[in-house]
Protein backbone atom coordinates (compact mmCIF):
# COMPACT_ATOMS: atom_id res chain seq x y z
CA MET A 1 113.68 36.23 88.33
CA LYS A 2 112.22 34.54 91.05
CA PRO A 3 111.35 37.79 92.43
CA LYS A 4 109.68 38.94 89.39
CA GLN A 5 107.37 36.11 89.08
CA SER A 6 106.11 36.22 92.95
CA GLU A 7 104.67 40.07 91.93
CA ARG A 8 102.96 38.87 88.35
CA GLY A 9 99.45 39.66 88.67
CA ALA A 10 99.39 42.33 91.07
CA VAL A 11 98.91 45.06 88.69
CA ALA A 12 95.52 43.37 88.04
CA VAL A 13 94.58 42.81 91.37
CA GLU A 14 95.57 46.34 92.36
CA MET A 15 93.32 47.52 89.09
CA ALA A 16 90.52 45.56 90.57
CA ILE A 17 90.47 47.03 93.89
CA LEU A 18 90.49 50.54 93.26
CA LEU A 19 88.56 50.67 89.66
CA PRO A 20 84.96 50.51 91.55
CA LEU A 21 86.08 53.63 93.64
CA LEU A 22 87.37 55.38 90.59
CA LEU A 23 84.25 54.41 88.96
CA LEU A 24 82.18 55.82 91.51
CA ILE A 25 83.95 59.23 91.77
CA LEU A 26 83.43 59.85 88.30
CA ILE A 27 79.84 58.83 88.23
CA GLY A 28 79.34 60.82 91.30
CA THR A 29 80.94 63.66 89.64
CA MET A 30 78.65 63.32 86.63
CA GLU A 31 75.16 63.00 88.40
CA PHE A 32 76.46 66.24 90.61
CA GLY A 33 77.27 68.35 87.54
CA ARG A 34 73.97 67.79 85.77
CA VAL A 35 71.89 68.29 89.15
CA PHE A 36 73.74 71.39 89.30
CA ASN A 37 73.00 72.44 85.59
CA VAL A 38 69.42 71.76 86.16
CA GLN A 39 68.77 73.81 89.39
CA ASN A 40 70.55 76.84 88.12
CA SER A 41 68.37 76.34 85.04
CA LEU A 42 65.19 75.91 87.13
CA THR A 43 66.20 78.89 89.43
CA GLN A 44 66.36 81.14 86.30
CA ALA A 45 63.43 80.09 84.81
CA ALA A 46 61.81 80.81 87.56
CA ARG A 47 63.43 83.94 87.50
CA GLU A 48 62.43 85.01 84.26
CA GLY A 49 58.64 83.80 84.56
CA ALA A 50 58.62 86.18 87.64
CA ARG A 51 60.01 89.05 85.56
CA HIS A 52 57.39 88.49 82.92
CA GLY A 53 54.97 87.90 85.14
CA ALA A 54 55.77 91.41 86.79
CA ILE A 55 56.06 93.66 83.61
CA ASN A 56 53.04 92.13 81.94
CA TYR A 57 50.30 91.47 84.73
CA ASN A 58 47.53 93.43 83.50
CA LYS A 59 48.51 92.55 79.95
CA ALA A 60 46.20 89.68 77.71
CA SER A 61 49.48 88.20 76.45
CA LEU A 62 50.43 87.12 80.16
CA ASP A 63 52.13 83.88 79.76
CA VAL A 64 54.38 82.80 82.78
CA GLU A 65 55.09 79.42 82.49
CA GLY A 66 55.33 79.73 78.70
CA THR A 67 58.19 82.21 79.51
CA SER A 68 59.32 80.24 82.03
CA LEU A 69 59.95 77.06 79.99
CA ALA A 70 61.26 79.16 76.70
CA ALA A 71 64.01 80.81 79.44
CA ALA A 72 65.39 77.41 80.01
CA PRO A 73 65.73 74.96 76.56
CA SER A 74 67.91 72.34 78.44
CA LEU A 75 64.72 71.30 80.84
CA ASN A 76 63.19 70.02 77.84
CA GLY A 77 62.03 66.43 78.20
CA LEU A 78 62.24 66.82 81.87
CA GLY A 79 58.40 67.98 83.36
CA VAL A 80 59.07 70.68 84.43
CA ALA A 81 55.69 72.27 86.48
CA VAL A 82 55.71 76.04 87.01
CA ALA A 83 53.03 77.05 89.62
CA HIS A 84 52.23 80.83 90.06
CA ASN A 85 50.36 83.60 91.74
CA ALA A 86 50.23 86.05 88.35
CA ALA A 87 45.97 86.05 88.95
CA SER A 88 46.41 88.24 92.34
CA CYS A 89 49.64 90.50 90.79
CA GLY A 90 48.78 94.25 91.27
CA PRO A 91 50.57 97.35 92.20
CA ASN A 92 52.95 96.83 95.21
CA LEU A 93 52.40 93.20 95.21
CA ASN A 94 54.88 90.39 94.63
CA ILE A 95 54.68 87.73 92.04
CA GLU A 96 55.86 84.24 92.86
CA VAL A 97 56.66 81.54 90.30
CA THR A 98 58.27 78.25 91.56
CA THR A 99 59.40 75.73 89.13
CA THR A 100 59.60 72.15 89.78
CA VAL A 101 61.07 68.92 88.17
CA VAL A 102 61.49 65.24 89.56
CA LEU A 103 65.65 64.55 88.09
CA PRO A 104 65.84 60.75 87.45
CA SER A 105 69.34 59.92 87.81
CA MET A 106 71.63 59.50 84.61
CA SER A 107 73.50 56.63 85.44
CA GLY A 108 70.77 54.90 87.13
CA PHE A 109 73.80 53.93 89.71
CA LEU A 110 72.66 56.46 92.57
CA ASP A 111 69.08 55.11 92.58
CA SER A 112 67.01 53.68 95.37
CA GLY A 113 67.96 50.10 96.28
CA TRP A 114 71.98 49.73 95.42
CA PHE A 115 73.50 48.98 98.40
CA GLY A 116 70.20 48.57 100.40
CA THR A 117 70.19 52.30 101.05
CA ALA A 118 67.40 54.43 100.50
CA GLY A 119 69.05 56.27 97.51
CA ILE A 120 69.35 59.69 96.33
CA PHE A 121 67.55 59.58 93.20
CA PRO A 122 65.03 60.36 91.90
CA MET A 123 65.83 63.96 93.70
CA THR A 124 63.16 66.67 93.32
CA LEU A 125 64.72 69.89 92.50
CA THR A 126 62.68 73.46 92.68
CA GLY A 127 63.63 76.84 91.93
CA VAL A 128 61.95 80.04 92.93
CA GLY A 129 61.75 83.71 91.59
CA VAL A 130 60.24 86.74 93.15
CA MET A 131 59.74 90.26 91.70
CA ARG A 132 57.76 93.14 92.61
CA CYS A 133 54.56 93.48 89.95
CA GLY A 134 54.34 96.63 87.95
CA GLY A 135 58.09 98.04 88.82
C-alpha cells in the first residue's frame, strides 16, 4: 500500500495546473462566438440599411438608421452607430451604410490590464453595406 500513499493528491495537483488553461479556452471560445455573432449582425444591419436607402432614396419615408437597427435586434442595448450618405444618393450613385459598435468583454477576463497587456476588449467592430441607388 505504500505506492498508493505516495500518489495521494496527484489528481488535485494536475487539476490545479490544467483548470486555468481549460477555463481560458472555454472563455475564449465564448468571447469569439459573441464577437463573430455581433460582426455578422452589424454587416447584415448595414446591408439592410443600404438596401432600404437604395430603394427609397427619393421618398419621404426614408429611415436608414431605423431600418438598419430593426434588421439586427440582437444588437439592442449595445449602442450601435449608423452612418450613411443617403442625402447624396441619386440614379447611378451608390449609398454606403456603416454600422459601428464598441463591444465590451462578456466575461471581463480579456479586458485591458490582465497579465500586464493592452487587452483585447473593448473591441470596435464595423459593418459596411453598399448598393446602387434606384436599382
